[in-house]
Amino acid sequence: MITVLSPLADLIGRILLSAMFILSGIHGLSDMEGAARYIEAEGIPGELAIVVIITEVGCGSLLLLGFLTRLMAFLLGDSPC
């Protein structure tokens, strides 16, 4: 029974994790100044806000699609989401 549910649990986890980053990136796009202030508060220069947002949306989307999931999870692991 566990081997049947394992792929489903992986899929659900991937969907939820990627949704968190994609939605955070979309929110950052809608309020770039606020995102820059938040990123500066985390100790990252505010000018890199667009890079952080692109990373969140891009890697989150690739994680959702299942493309290089371990690499995408690693890259998102240190994101100030």
N, C-alpha and C. Protein backbone atom coordinates (compact mmCIF):
# COMPACT_ATOMS: atom_id res chain seq x y z
N MET A 1 0.82 -1.20 0.00
CA MET A 1 0.00 0.00 0.00
C MET A 1 0.86 1.26 0.00
N ILE A 2 1.97 1.24 0.77
CA ILE A 2 2.83 2.41 0.85
C ILE A 2 3.49 2.68 -0.50
N THR A 3 3.89 1.64 -1.23
CA THR A 3 4.52 1.85 -2.52
C THR A 3 3.55 2.43 -3.54
N VAL A 4 2.27 2.22 -3.35
CA VAL A 4 1.26 2.79 -4.24
C VAL A 4 1.09 4.28 -3.95
N LEU A 5 1.13 4.67 -2.69
CA LEU A 5 0.90 6.06 -2.30
C LEU A 5 2.15 6.94 -2.41
N SER A 6 3.32 6.35 -2.45
CA SER A 6 4.55 7.12 -2.49
C SER A 6 4.64 8.06 -3.70
N PRO A 7 4.39 7.59 -4.93
CA PRO A 7 4.44 8.53 -6.07
C PRO A 7 3.40 9.64 -5.96
N LEU A 8 2.24 9.33 -5.42
CA LEU A 8 1.20 10.34 -5.24
C LEU A 8 1.63 11.38 -4.21
N ALA A 9 2.24 10.93 -3.14
CA ALA A 9 2.73 11.86 -2.11
C ALA A 9 3.85 12.74 -2.67
N ASP A 10 4.72 12.17 -3.49
CA ASP A 10 5.77 12.95 -4.14
C ASP A 10 5.17 14.04 -5.02
N LEU A 11 4.17 13.69 -5.80
CA LEU A 11 3.52 14.65 -6.69
C LEU A 11 2.84 15.76 -5.91
N ILE A 12 2.10 15.41 -4.88
CA ILE A 12 1.41 16.42 -4.07
C ILE A 12 2.42 17.35 -3.39
N GLY A 13 3.49 16.79 -2.86
CA GLY A 13 4.52 17.60 -2.24
C GLY A 13 5.19 18.54 -3.22
N ARG A 14 5.47 18.04 -4.42
CA ARG A 14 6.08 18.87 -5.46
C ARG A 14 5.16 20.01 -5.87
N ILE A 15 3.87 19.73 -5.99
CA ILE A 15 2.90 20.76 -6.37
C ILE A 15 2.82 21.83 -5.28
N LEU A 16 2.72 21.43 -4.03
CA LEU A 16 2.60 22.40 -2.94
C LEU A 16 3.87 23.24 -2.77
N LEU A 17 5.02 22.59 -2.84
CA LEU A 17 6.28 23.31 -2.69
C LEU A 17 6.49 24.30 -3.83
N SER A 18 6.22 23.87 -5.06
CA SER A 18 6.42 24.77 -6.18
C SER A 18 5.41 25.91 -6.15
N ALA A 19 4.19 25.65 -5.70
CA ALA A 19 3.18 26.71 -5.62
C ALA A 19 3.63 27.82 -4.67
N MET A 20 4.28 27.43 -3.57
CA MET A 20 4.75 28.42 -2.61
C MET A 20 5.73 29.39 -3.27
N PHE A 21 6.68 28.86 -4.04
CA PHE A 21 7.68 29.72 -4.67
C PHE A 21 7.11 30.49 -5.86
N ILE A 22 6.27 29.87 -6.65
CA ILE A 22 5.68 30.56 -7.80
C ILE A 22 4.82 31.73 -7.32
N LEU A 23 3.99 31.50 -6.33
CA LEU A 23 3.13 32.56 -5.81
C LEU A 23 3.95 33.68 -5.15
N SER A 24 5.02 33.32 -4.47
CA SER A 24 5.89 34.33 -3.88
C SER A 24 6.54 35.18 -4.96
N GLY A 25 6.98 34.56 -6.04
CA GLY A 25 7.58 35.30 -7.15
C GLY A 25 6.58 36.21 -7.84
N ILE A 26 5.36 35.72 -8.04
CA ILE A 26 4.33 36.55 -8.66
C ILE A 26 3.99 37.74 -7.77
N HIS A 27 3.92 37.51 -6.47
CA HIS A 27 3.67 38.61 -5.53
C HIS A 27 4.81 39.63 -5.61
N GLY A 28 6.05 39.15 -5.71
CA GLY A 28 7.19 40.05 -5.84
C GLY A 28 7.13 40.88 -7.11
N LEU A 29 6.65 40.28 -8.19
CA LEU A 29 6.51 41.02 -9.44
C LEU A 29 5.47 42.13 -9.33
N SER A 30 4.43 41.88 -8.57
CA SER A 30 3.36 42.89 -8.44
C SER A 30 3.78 44.05 -7.54
N ASP A 31 4.77 43.85 -6.68
CA ASP A 31 5.24 44.90 -5.77
C ASP A 31 6.77 44.84 -5.71
N MET A 32 7.41 45.32 -6.76
CA MET A 32 8.87 45.23 -6.84
C MET A 32 9.57 46.00 -5.73
N GLU A 33 9.05 47.19 -5.39
CA GLU A 33 9.69 47.98 -4.34
C GLU A 33 9.59 47.28 -2.98
N GLY A 34 8.44 46.72 -2.71
CA GLY A 34 8.27 45.98 -1.46
C GLY A 34 9.16 44.74 -1.42
N ALA A 35 9.28 44.06 -2.56
CA ALA A 35 10.14 42.88 -2.63
C ALA A 35 11.60 43.27 -2.41
N ALA A 36 12.01 44.40 -2.99
CA ALA A 36 13.39 44.86 -2.81
C ALA A 36 13.65 45.20 -1.34
N ARG A 37 12.68 45.85 -0.67
CA ARG A 37 12.85 46.17 0.75
C ARG A 37 12.94 44.89 1.59
N TYR A 38 12.10 43.92 1.27
CA TYR A 38 12.12 42.66 2.01
C TYR A 38 13.44 41.93 1.81
N ILE A 39 13.92 41.91 0.59
CA ILE A 39 15.17 41.24 0.29
C ILE A 39 16.34 41.94 0.97
N GLU A 40 16.30 43.28 0.99
CA GLU A 40 17.34 44.03 1.71
C GLU A 40 17.32 43.71 3.20
N ALA A 41 16.13 43.52 3.76
CA ALA A 41 16.02 43.17 5.18
C ALA A 41 16.65 41.81 5.46
N GLU A 42 16.69 40.95 4.46
CA GLU A 42 17.31 39.63 4.61
C GLU A 42 18.81 39.66 4.37
N GLY A 43 19.35 40.86 4.05
CA GLY A 43 20.80 41.00 3.86
C GLY A 43 21.28 40.86 2.44
N ILE A 44 20.35 40.87 1.48
CA ILE A 44 20.71 40.76 0.06
C ILE A 44 20.48 42.12 -0.56
N PRO A 45 21.38 42.61 -1.42
CA PRO A 45 21.15 43.92 -2.06
C PRO A 45 19.81 43.95 -2.81
N GLY A 46 19.08 45.04 -2.63
CA GLY A 46 17.76 45.18 -3.24
C GLY A 46 17.78 45.12 -4.76
N GLU A 47 18.92 45.46 -5.36
CA GLU A 47 19.03 45.42 -6.82
C GLU A 47 18.90 43.99 -7.36
N LEU A 48 19.12 43.02 -6.51
CA LEU A 48 19.03 41.62 -6.94
C LEU A 48 17.61 41.06 -6.80
N ALA A 49 16.65 41.93 -6.49
CA ALA A 49 15.27 41.47 -6.31
C ALA A 49 14.76 40.75 -7.55
N ILE A 50 15.03 41.29 -8.72
CA ILE A 50 14.53 40.67 -9.96
C ILE A 50 15.15 39.29 -10.15
N VAL A 51 16.41 39.13 -9.77
CA VAL A 51 17.07 37.82 -9.90
C VAL A 51 16.41 36.81 -8.96
N VAL A 52 16.10 37.25 -7.75
CA VAL A 52 15.45 36.38 -6.78
C VAL A 52 14.06 35.98 -7.27
N ILE A 53 13.33 36.96 -7.81
CA ILE A 53 11.98 36.70 -8.30
C ILE A 53 12.01 35.74 -9.49
N ILE A 54 12.92 35.96 -10.42
CA ILE A 54 13.04 35.06 -11.58
C ILE A 54 13.41 33.66 -11.11
N THR A 55 14.29 33.57 -10.12
CA THR A 55 14.68 32.26 -9.59
C THR A 55 13.48 31.56 -8.95
N GLU A 56 12.69 32.30 -8.18
CA GLU A 56 11.53 31.70 -7.54
C GLU A 56 10.52 31.19 -8.57
N VAL A 57 10.20 32.03 -9.54
CA VAL A 57 9.20 31.63 -10.54
C VAL A 57 9.75 30.55 -11.47
N GLY A 58 10.98 30.74 -11.94
CA GLY A 58 11.57 29.79 -12.89
C GLY A 58 11.82 28.43 -12.28
N CYS A 59 12.51 28.40 -11.16
CA CYS A 59 12.81 27.12 -10.51
C CYS A 59 11.55 26.48 -9.96
N GLY A 60 10.62 27.29 -9.46
CA GLY A 60 9.35 26.75 -8.99
C GLY A 60 8.56 26.09 -10.10
N SER A 61 8.58 26.71 -11.29
CA SER A 61 7.89 26.13 -12.44
C SER A 61 8.54 24.83 -12.89
N LEU A 62 9.87 24.82 -12.93
CA LEU A 62 10.57 23.60 -13.32
C LEU A 62 10.37 22.49 -12.29
N LEU A 63 10.32 22.86 -11.02
CA LEU A 63 10.03 21.88 -9.97
C LEU A 63 8.64 21.29 -10.15
N LEU A 64 7.67 22.15 -10.48
CA LEU A 64 6.30 21.70 -10.71
C LEU A 64 6.24 20.71 -11.88
N LEU A 65 7.00 20.99 -12.92
CA LEU A 65 7.02 20.12 -14.10
C LEU A 65 7.83 18.85 -13.89
N GLY A 66 8.59 18.80 -12.80
CA GLY A 66 9.39 17.61 -12.52
C GLY A 66 10.71 17.58 -13.26
N PHE A 67 11.18 18.74 -13.72
CA PHE A 67 12.44 18.81 -14.47
C PHE A 67 13.57 19.13 -13.51
N LEU A 68 14.54 18.24 -13.39
CA LEU A 68 15.69 18.41 -12.50
C LEU A 68 15.24 18.79 -11.08
N THR A 69 14.36 18.00 -10.53
CA THR A 69 13.73 18.35 -9.26
C THR A 69 14.73 18.53 -8.12
N ARG A 70 15.73 17.69 -8.04
CA ARG A 70 16.69 17.82 -6.94
C ARG A 70 17.50 19.11 -7.06
N LEU A 71 17.90 19.45 -8.28
CA LEU A 71 18.65 20.68 -8.50
C LEU A 71 17.78 21.90 -8.20
N MET A 72 16.54 21.90 -8.66
CA MET A 72 15.64 23.02 -8.43
C MET A 72 15.36 23.18 -6.93
N ALA A 73 15.16 22.07 -6.23
CA ALA A 73 14.93 22.14 -4.79
C ALA A 73 16.16 22.68 -4.07
N PHE A 74 17.34 22.29 -4.53
CA PHE A 74 18.57 22.81 -3.95
C PHE A 74 18.70 24.30 -4.17
N LEU A 75 18.43 24.76 -5.39
CA LEU A 75 18.53 26.19 -5.70
C LEU A 75 17.50 27.02 -4.92
N LEU A 76 16.35 26.46 -4.70
CA LEU A 76 15.31 27.17 -3.95
C LEU A 76 15.50 27.06 -2.44
N GLY A 77 16.35 26.17 -2.01
CA GLY A 77 16.51 25.92 -0.58
C GLY A 77 17.04 27.10 0.21
N ASP A 78 17.73 28.03 -0.42
CA ASP A 78 18.28 29.17 0.29
C ASP A 78 17.59 30.47 -0.14
N SER A 79 16.42 30.34 -0.76
CA SER A 79 15.69 31.53 -1.19
C SER A 79 15.02 32.19 0.01
N PRO A 80 15.05 33.52 0.06
CA PRO A 80 14.46 34.21 1.22
C PRO A 80 12.94 34.33 1.11
N CYS A 81 12.27 33.27 0.75
CA CYS A 81 10.82 33.28 0.56
C CYS A 81 10.10 33.47 1.87
